[in-house]
Amino acid sequence: MPDASAKRMPDRREQHRIVSGAPYDEDARIEASVRPKRLDEYIGQKRVKENISIAIEAARSRGEALDHVLLYGPPAWVKPP
């Protein structure tokens, strides 16, 4: 029995894994086309969007970056272009 300090040799199956954490170019293109680019492209939660819009405009008028904002909730659909 080999000792625990021996290096594990990868077998052939591990060399040709189908699942990987590496991004694909196609994924980036799809993600970019699906993500909303403007606040008005988000659907629902009108009050929340108004509050965020006010915070963004205030930061712009001060010439500062927007403070940290934590958004949470279920994912939502966006309007088709």
PDB file of N, CA and C in Angstrom:
ATOM      1  N   MET A   1       0.852  -1.174   0.000  1.00  0.00           N
ATOM      2  CA  MET A   1       0.000   0.000   0.000  1.00  0.00           C
ATOM      3  C   MET A   1       0.895   1.233   0.000  1.00  0.00           C
ATOM      4  N   PRO A   2       0.692   2.186  -0.918  1.00  0.00           N
ATOM      5  CA  PRO A   2       1.516   3.390  -0.954  1.00  0.00           C
ATOM      6  C   PRO A   2       1.189   4.302   0.224  1.00  0.00           C
ATOM      7  N   ASP A   3       2.205   5.077   0.638  1.00  0.00           N
ATOM      8  CA  ASP A   3       1.962   5.964   1.769  1.00  0.00           C
ATOM      9  C   ASP A   3       1.169   7.196   1.309  1.00  0.00           C
ATOM     10  N   ALA A   4       0.635   7.954   2.281  1.00  0.00           N
ATOM     11  CA  ALA A   4      -0.240   9.093   1.987  1.00  0.00           C
ATOM     12  C   ALA A   4       0.521  10.244   1.339  1.00  0.00           C
ATOM     13  N   SER A   5       1.848  10.265   1.471  1.00  0.00           N
ATOM     14  CA  SER A   5       2.616  11.370   0.897  1.00  0.00           C
ATOM     15  C   SER A   5       2.864  11.204  -0.599  1.00  0.00           C
ATOM     16  N   ALA A   6       2.561  10.041  -1.135  1.00  0.00           N
ATOM     17  CA  ALA A   6       2.767   9.818  -2.567  1.00  0.00           C
ATOM     18  C   ALA A   6       1.794  10.685  -3.355  1.00  0.00           C
ATOM     19  N   LYS A   7       2.292  11.279  -4.430  1.00  0.00           N
ATOM     20  CA  LYS A   7       1.433  12.134  -5.253  1.00  0.00           C
ATOM     21  C   LYS A   7       0.433  11.284  -6.004  1.00  0.00           C
ATOM     22  N   ARG A   8      -0.774  11.790  -6.073  1.00  0.00           N
ATOM     23  CA  ARG A   8      -1.845  11.089  -6.767  1.00  0.00           C
ATOM     24  C   ARG A   8      -1.670  11.303  -8.263  1.00  0.00           C
ATOM     25  N   MET A   9      -1.690  10.253  -9.004  1.00  0.00           N
ATOM     26  CA  MET A   9      -1.548  10.322 -10.452  1.00  0.00           C
ATOM     27  C   MET A   9      -2.941  10.474 -11.066  1.00  0.00           C
ATOM     28  N   PRO A  10      -3.147  11.481 -11.909  1.00  0.00           N
ATOM     29  CA  PRO A  10      -4.455  11.625 -12.546  1.00  0.00           C
ATOM     30  C   PRO A  10      -4.695  10.479 -13.516  1.00  0.00           C
ATOM     31  N   ASP A  11      -5.911   9.941 -13.497  1.00  0.00           N
ATOM     32  CA  ASP A  11      -6.193   8.878 -14.458  1.00  0.00           C
ATOM     33  C   ASP A  11      -6.739   9.500 -15.737  1.00  0.00           C
ATOM     34  N   ARG A  12      -6.921   8.686 -16.744  1.00  0.00           N
ATOM     35  CA  ARG A  12      -7.331   9.183 -18.067  1.00  0.00           C
ATOM     36  C   ARG A  12      -8.670   9.906 -18.029  1.00  0.00           C
ATOM     37  N   ARG A  13      -9.597   9.455 -17.202  1.00  0.00           N
ATOM     38  CA  ARG A  13     -10.917  10.076 -17.159  1.00  0.00           C
ATOM     39  C   ARG A  13     -10.838  11.529 -16.715  1.00  0.00           C
ATOM     40  N   GLU A  14      -9.946  11.875 -15.828  1.00  0.00           N
ATOM     41  CA  GLU A  14      -9.836  13.235 -15.328  1.00  0.00           C
ATOM     42  C   GLU A  14      -9.248  14.187 -16.363  1.00  0.00           C
ATOM     43  N   GLN A  15      -8.518  13.679 -17.310  1.00  0.00           N
ATOM     44  CA  GLN A  15      -7.900  14.515 -18.322  1.00  0.00           C
ATOM     45  C   GLN A  15      -8.916  15.037 -19.342  1.00  0.00           C
ATOM     46  N   HIS A  16     -10.031  14.373 -19.492  1.00  0.00           N
ATOM     47  CA  HIS A  16     -11.032  14.739 -20.496  1.00  0.00           C
ATOM     48  C   HIS A  16     -12.370  15.036 -19.835  1.00  0.00           C
ATOM     49  N   ARG A  17     -12.352  15.873 -18.826  1.00  0.00           N
ATOM     50  CA  ARG A  17     -13.588  16.207 -18.120  1.00  0.00           C
ATOM     51  C   ARG A  17     -14.496  17.052 -18.988  1.00  0.00           C
ATOM     52  N   ILE A  18     -15.767  16.769 -18.950  1.00  0.00           N
ATOM     53  CA  ILE A  18     -16.753  17.551 -19.686  1.00  0.00           C
ATOM     54  C   ILE A  18     -17.116  18.799 -18.890  1.00  0.00           C
ATOM     55  N   VAL A  19     -17.248  18.668 -17.596  1.00  0.00           N
ATOM     56  CA  VAL A  19     -17.627  19.786 -16.736  1.00  0.00           C
ATOM     57  C   VAL A  19     -16.373  20.555 -16.347  1.00  0.00           C
ATOM     58  N   SER A  20     -16.436  21.867 -16.488  1.00  0.00           N
ATOM     59  CA  SER A  20     -15.285  22.699 -16.176  1.00  0.00           C
ATOM     60  C   SER A  20     -15.771  24.057 -15.677  1.00  0.00           C
ATOM     61  N   GLY A  21     -14.970  24.712 -14.874  1.00  0.00           N
ATOM     62  CA  GLY A  21     -15.294  26.047 -14.401  1.00  0.00           C
ATOM     63  C   GLY A  21     -14.828  27.126 -15.355  1.00  0.00           C
ATOM     64  N   ALA A  22     -14.159  26.746 -16.409  1.00  0.00           N
ATOM     65  CA  ALA A  22     -13.631  27.722 -17.368  1.00  0.00           C
ATOM     66  C   ALA A  22     -14.767  28.315 -18.192  1.00  0.00           C
ATOM     67  N   PRO A  23     -14.773  29.640 -18.363  1.00  0.00           N
ATOM     68  CA  PRO A  23     -15.839  30.251 -19.159  1.00  0.00           C
ATOM     69  C   PRO A  23     -15.635  29.995 -20.649  1.00  0.00           C
ATOM     70  N   TYR A  24     -16.708  29.964 -21.367  1.00  0.00           N
ATOM     71  CA  TYR A  24     -16.677  29.838 -22.814  1.00  0.00           C
ATOM     72  C   TYR A  24     -17.038  31.181 -23.423  1.00  0.00           C
ATOM     73  N   ASP A  25     -16.494  31.497 -24.584  1.00  0.00           N
ATOM     74  CA  ASP A  25     -16.818  32.746 -25.267  1.00  0.00           C
ATOM     75  C   ASP A  25     -18.314  32.858 -25.535  1.00  0.00           C
ATOM     76  N   GLU A  26     -18.923  31.745 -25.901  1.00  0.00           N
ATOM     77  CA  GLU A  26     -20.356  31.743 -26.195  1.00  0.00           C
ATOM     78  C   GLU A  26     -21.164  32.144 -24.963  1.00  0.00           C
ATOM     79  N   ASP A  27     -20.758  31.679 -23.774  1.00  0.00           N
ATOM     80  CA  ASP A  27     -21.454  32.039 -22.543  1.00  0.00           C
ATOM     81  C   ASP A  27     -21.401  33.542 -22.307  1.00  0.00           C
ATOM     82  N   ALA A  28     -20.266  34.148 -22.539  1.00  0.00           N
ATOM     83  CA  ALA A  28     -20.118  35.587 -22.336  1.00  0.00           C
ATOM     84  C   ALA A  28     -21.004  36.365 -23.298  1.00  0.00           C
ATOM     85  N   ARG A  29     -21.097  35.918 -24.535  1.00  0.00           N
ATOM     86  CA  ARG A  29     -21.952  36.605 -25.518  1.00  0.00           C
ATOM     87  C   ARG A  29     -23.417  36.503 -25.117  1.00  0.00           C
ATOM     88  N   ILE A  30     -23.849  35.338 -24.708  1.00  0.00           N
ATOM     89  CA  ILE A  30     -25.248  35.144 -24.309  1.00  0.00           C
ATOM     90  C   ILE A  30     -25.558  35.974 -23.072  1.00  0.00           C
ATOM     91  N   GLU A  31     -24.673  35.941 -22.084  1.00  0.00           N
ATOM     92  CA  GLU A  31     -24.891  36.698 -20.863  1.00  0.00           C
ATOM     93  C   GLU A  31     -24.978  38.190 -21.141  1.00  0.00           C
ATOM     94  N   ALA A  32     -24.131  38.685 -22.006  1.00  0.00           N
ATOM     95  CA  ALA A  32     -24.147  40.109 -22.343  1.00  0.00           C
ATOM     96  C   ALA A  32     -25.435  40.495 -23.058  1.00  0.00           C
ATOM     97  N   SER A  33     -25.984  39.600 -23.855  1.00  0.00           N
ATOM     98  CA  SER A  33     -27.209  39.929 -24.585  1.00  0.00           C
ATOM     99  C   SER A  33     -28.450  39.823 -23.709  1.00  0.00           C
ATOM    100  N   VAL A  34     -28.386  39.086 -22.616  1.00  0.00           N
ATOM    101  CA  VAL A  34     -29.543  38.884 -21.752  1.00  0.00           C
ATOM    102  C   VAL A  34     -29.594  39.906 -20.615  1.00  0.00           C
ATOM    103  N   ARG A  35     -28.458  40.345 -20.142  1.00  0.00           N
ATOM    104  CA  ARG A  35     -28.437  41.281 -19.014  1.00  0.00           C
ATOM    105  C   ARG A  35     -28.977  42.648 -19.420  1.00  0.00           C
ATOM    106  N   PRO A  36     -29.794  43.240 -18.537  1.00  0.00           N
ATOM    107  CA  PRO A  36     -30.278  44.590 -18.829  1.00  0.00           C
ATOM    108  C   PRO A  36     -29.128  45.590 -18.805  1.00  0.00           C
ATOM    109  N   LYS A  37     -29.206  46.571 -19.661  1.00  0.00           N
ATOM    110  CA  LYS A  37     -28.163  47.597 -19.717  1.00  0.00           C
ATOM    111  C   LYS A  37     -28.606  48.887 -19.041  1.00  0.00           C
ATOM    112  N   ARG A  38     -29.924  49.079 -18.909  1.00  0.00           N
ATOM    113  CA  ARG A  38     -30.465  50.279 -18.276  1.00  0.00           C
ATOM    114  C   ARG A  38     -31.456  49.868 -17.192  1.00  0.00           C
ATOM    115  N   LEU A  39     -31.656  50.744 -16.239  1.00  0.00           N
ATOM    116  CA  LEU A  39     -32.554  50.464 -15.128  1.00  0.00           C
ATOM    117  C   LEU A  39     -33.989  50.257 -15.596  1.00  0.00           C
ATOM    118  N   ASP A  40     -34.410  50.962 -16.629  1.00  0.00           N
ATOM    119  CA  ASP A  40     -35.792  50.825 -17.089  1.00  0.00           C
ATOM    120  C   ASP A  40     -36.052  49.504 -17.813  1.00  0.00           C
ATOM    121  N   GLU A  41     -35.025  48.723 -18.097  1.00  0.00           N
ATOM    122  CA  GLU A  41     -35.199  47.410 -18.712  1.00  0.00           C
ATOM    123  C   GLU A  41     -35.592  46.348 -17.690  1.00  0.00           C
ATOM    124  N   TYR A  42     -35.442  46.644 -16.400  1.00  0.00           N
ATOM    125  CA  TYR A  42     -35.865  45.720 -15.358  1.00  0.00           C
ATOM    126  C   TYR A  42     -37.377  45.789 -15.218  1.00  0.00           C
ATOM    127  N   ILE A  43     -38.005  44.652 -14.991  1.00  0.00           N
ATOM    128  CA  ILE A  43     -39.452  44.583 -14.865  1.00  0.00           C
ATOM    129  C   ILE A  43     -39.812  44.472 -13.386  1.00  0.00           C
ATOM    130  N   GLY A  44     -40.855  45.199 -12.993  1.00  0.00           N
ATOM    131  CA  GLY A  44     -41.385  45.085 -11.638  1.00  0.00           C
ATOM    132  C   GLY A  44     -40.634  45.936 -10.632  1.00  0.00           C
ATOM    133  N   GLN A  45     -41.111  45.905  -9.396  1.00  0.00           N
ATOM    134  CA  GLN A  45     -40.528  46.608  -8.256  1.00  0.00           C
ATOM    135  C   GLN A  45     -40.279  48.078  -8.592  1.00  0.00           C
ATOM    136  N   LYS A  46     -41.336  48.736  -9.047  1.00  0.00           N
ATOM    137  CA  LYS A  46     -41.239  50.132  -9.474  1.00  0.00           C
ATOM    138  C   LYS A  46     -40.661  51.019  -8.368  1.00  0.00           C
ATOM    139  N   ARG A  47     -41.110  50.824  -7.144  1.00  0.00           N
ATOM    140  CA  ARG A  47     -40.631  51.659  -6.031  1.00  0.00           C
ATOM    141  C   ARG A  47     -39.134  51.479  -5.796  1.00  0.00           C
ATOM    142  N   VAL A  48     -38.668  50.260  -5.868  1.00  0.00           N
ATOM    143  CA  VAL A  48     -37.240  49.980  -5.672  1.00  0.00           C
ATOM    144  C   VAL A  48     -36.426  50.632  -6.790  1.00  0.00           C
ATOM    145  N   LYS A  49     -36.893  50.502  -8.028  1.00  0.00           N
ATOM    146  CA  LYS A  49     -36.187  51.116  -9.158  1.00  0.00           C
ATOM    147  C   LYS A  49     -36.141  52.632  -9.016  1.00  0.00           C
ATOM    148  N   GLU A  50     -37.222  53.236  -8.532  1.00  0.00           N
ATOM    149  CA  GLU A  50     -37.235  54.691  -8.321  1.00  0.00           C
ATOM    150  C   GLU A  50     -36.197  55.098  -7.280  1.00  0.00           C
ATOM    151  N   ASN A  51     -36.119  54.344  -6.172  1.00  0.00           N
ATOM    152  CA  ASN A  51     -35.144  54.658  -5.122  1.00  0.00           C
ATOM    153  C   ASN A  51     -33.710  54.516  -5.628  1.00  0.00           C
ATOM    154  N   ILE A  52     -33.446  53.473  -6.388  1.00  0.00           N
ATOM    155  CA  ILE A  52     -32.103  53.275  -6.932  1.00  0.00           C
ATOM    156  C   ILE A  52     -31.773  54.388  -7.927  1.00  0.00           C
ATOM    157  N   SER A  53     -32.756  54.772  -8.735  1.00  0.00           N
ATOM    158  CA  SER A  53     -32.549  55.842  -9.700  1.00  0.00           C
ATOM    159  C   SER A  53     -32.193  57.155  -9.006  1.00  0.00           C
ATOM    160  N   ILE A  54     -32.871  57.447  -7.908  1.00  0.00           N
ATOM    161  CA  ILE A  54     -32.570  58.664  -7.143  1.00  0.00           C
ATOM    162  C   ILE A  54     -31.147  58.610  -6.593  1.00  0.00           C
ATOM    163  N   ALA A  55     -30.757  57.457  -6.057  1.00  0.00           N
ATOM    164  CA  ALA A  55     -29.402  57.303  -5.508  1.00  0.00           C
ATOM    165  C   ALA A  55     -28.342  57.462  -6.599  1.00  0.00           C
ATOM    166  N   ILE A  56     -28.609  56.926  -7.769  1.00  0.00           N
ATOM    167  CA  ILE A  56     -27.657  57.036  -8.887  1.00  0.00           C
ATOM    168  C   ILE A  56     -27.521  58.489  -9.323  1.00  0.00           C
ATOM    169  N   GLU A  57     -28.646  59.163  -9.485  1.00  0.00           N
ATOM    170  CA  GLU A  57     -28.607  60.567  -9.905  1.00  0.00           C
ATOM    171  C   GLU A  57     -27.912  61.447  -8.871  1.00  0.00           C
ATOM    172  N   ALA A  58     -28.137  61.186  -7.584  1.00  0.00           N
ATOM    173  CA  ALA A  58     -27.478  61.960  -6.530  1.00  0.00           C
ATOM    174  C   ALA A  58     -25.962  61.768  -6.586  1.00  0.00           C
ATOM    175  N   ALA A  59     -25.520  60.525  -6.780  1.00  0.00           N
ATOM    176  CA  ALA A  59     -24.080  60.257  -6.875  1.00  0.00           C
ATOM    177  C   ALA A  59     -23.489  60.946  -8.106  1.00  0.00           C
ATOM    178  N   ARG A  60     -24.208  60.910  -9.223  1.00  0.00           N
ATOM    179  CA  ARG A  60     -23.727  61.576 -10.436  1.00  0.00           C
ATOM    180  C   ARG A  60     -23.597  63.082 -10.223  1.00  0.00           C
ATOM    181  N   SER A  61     -24.602  63.676  -9.562  1.00  0.00           N
ATOM    182  CA  SER A  61     -24.569  65.132  -9.371  1.00  0.00           C
ATOM    183  C   SER A  61     -23.429  65.549  -8.439  1.00  0.00           C
ATOM    184  N   ARG A  62     -23.050  64.655  -7.523  1.00  0.00           N
ATOM    185  CA  ARG A  62     -21.908  64.937  -6.639  1.00  0.00           C
ATOM    186  C   ARG A  62     -20.586  64.598  -7.292  1.00  0.00           C
ATOM    187  N   GLY A  63     -20.630  63.893  -8.417  1.00  0.00           N
ATOM    188  CA  GLY A  63     -19.405  63.463  -9.089  1.00  0.00           C
ATOM    189  C   GLY A  63     -18.710  62.338  -8.347  1.00  0.00           C
ATOM    190  N   GLU A  64     -19.486  61.529  -7.655  1.00  0.00           N
ATOM    191  CA  GLU A  64     -18.939  60.416  -6.868  1.00  0.00           C
ATOM    192  C   GLU A  64     -19.486  59.094  -7.385  1.00  0.00           C
ATOM    193  N   ALA A  65     -18.853  58.029  -6.936  1.00  0.00           N
ATOM    194  CA  ALA A  65     -19.357  56.696  -7.246  1.00  0.00           C
ATOM    195  C   ALA A  65     -20.547  56.396  -6.336  1.00  0.00           C
ATOM    196  N   LEU A  66     -21.428  55.561  -6.802  1.00  0.00           N
ATOM    197  CA  LEU A  66     -22.574  55.136  -6.010  1.00  0.00           C
ATOM    198  C   LEU A  66     -22.081  54.329  -4.821  1.00  0.00           C
ATOM    199  N   ASP A  67     -22.658  54.572  -3.642  1.00  0.00           N
ATOM    200  CA  ASP A  67     -22.308  53.772  -2.471  1.00  0.00           C
ATOM    201  C   ASP A  67     -22.661  52.315  -2.734  1.00  0.00           C
ATOM    202  N   HIS A  68     -22.147  51.440  -1.902  1.00  0.00           N
ATOM    203  CA  HIS A  68     -22.451  50.018  -2.046  1.00  0.00           C
ATOM    204  C   HIS A  68     -23.951  49.795  -1.874  1.00  0.00           C
ATOM    205  N   VAL A  69     -24.503  48.947  -2.731  1.00  0.00           N
ATOM    206  CA  VAL A  69     -25.921  48.629  -2.690  1.00  0.00           C
ATOM    207  C   VAL A  69     -26.048  47.118  -2.705  1.00  0.00           C
ATOM    208  N   LEU A  70     -26.842  46.598  -1.800  1.00  0.00           N
ATOM    209  CA  LEU A  70     -27.073  45.152  -1.757  1.00  0.00           C
ATOM    210  C   LEU A  70     -28.493  44.893  -2.232  1.00  0.00           C
ATOM    211  N   LEU A  71     -28.611  44.157  -3.317  1.00  0.00           N
ATOM    212  CA  LEU A  71     -29.919  43.797  -3.858  1.00  0.00           C
ATOM    213  C   LEU A  71     -30.129  42.308  -3.624  1.00  0.00           C
ATOM    214  N   TYR A  72     -31.329  41.961  -3.279  1.00  0.00           N
ATOM    215  CA  TYR A  72     -31.600  40.546  -3.079  1.00  0.00           C
ATOM    216  C   TYR A  72     -33.014  40.246  -3.542  1.00  0.00           C
ATOM    217  N   GLY A  73     -33.280  39.007  -3.788  1.00  0.00           N
ATOM    218  CA  GLY A  73     -34.598  38.579  -4.220  1.00  0.00           C
ATOM    219  C   GLY A  73     -34.488  37.602  -5.360  1.00  0.00           C
ATOM    220  N   PRO A  74     -35.625  37.087  -5.787  1.00  0.00           N
ATOM    221  CA  PRO A  74     -35.602  36.113  -6.876  1.00  0.00           C
ATOM    222  C   PRO A  74     -35.238  36.781  -8.185  1.00  0.00           C
ATOM    223  N   PRO A  75     -34.679  36.025  -9.117  1.00  0.00           N
ATOM    224  CA  PRO A  75     -34.352  36.603 -10.425  1.00  0.00           C
ATOM    225  C   PRO A  75     -35.633  37.000 -11.133  1.00  0.00           C
ATOM    226  N   ALA A  76     -35.538  37.951 -12.017  1.00  0.00           N
ATOM    227  CA  ALA A  76     -36.697  38.433 -12.756  1.00  0.00           C
ATOM    228  C   ALA A  76     -36.377  38.482 -14.235  1.00  0.00           C
ATOM    229  N   TRP A  77     -37.403  38.528 -15.032  1.00  0.00           N
ATOM    230  CA  TRP A  77     -37.234  38.643 -16.466  1.00  0.00           C
ATOM    231  C   TRP A  77     -36.998  40.092 -16.832  1.00  0.00           C
ATOM    232  N   VAL A  78     -36.365  40.295 -17.953  1.00  0.00           N
ATOM    233  CA  VAL A  78     -36.180  41.645 -18.472  1.00  0.00           C
ATOM    234  C   VAL A  78     -36.994  41.775 -19.746  1.00  0.00           C
ATOM    235  N   LYS A  79     -37.336  42.999 -20.102  1.00  0.00           N
ATOM    236  CA  LYS A  79     -38.081  43.240 -21.332  1.00  0.00           C
ATOM    237  C   LYS A  79     -37.228  42.826 -22.524  1.00  0.00           C
ATOM    238  N   PRO A  80     -37.829  42.171 -23.498  1.00  0.00           N
ATOM    239  CA  PRO A  80     -37.046  41.866 -24.700  1.00  0.00           C
ATOM    240  C   PRO A  80     -36.709  43.163 -25.428  1.00  0.00           C
ATOM    241  N   PRO A  81     -35.552  43.219 -26.087  1.00  0.00           N
ATOM    242  CA  PRO A  81     -35.162  44.444 -26.798  1.00  0.00           C
ATOM    243  C   PRO A  81     -36.077  44.784 -27.942  1.00  0.00           C
TER     244      PRO A  81
END
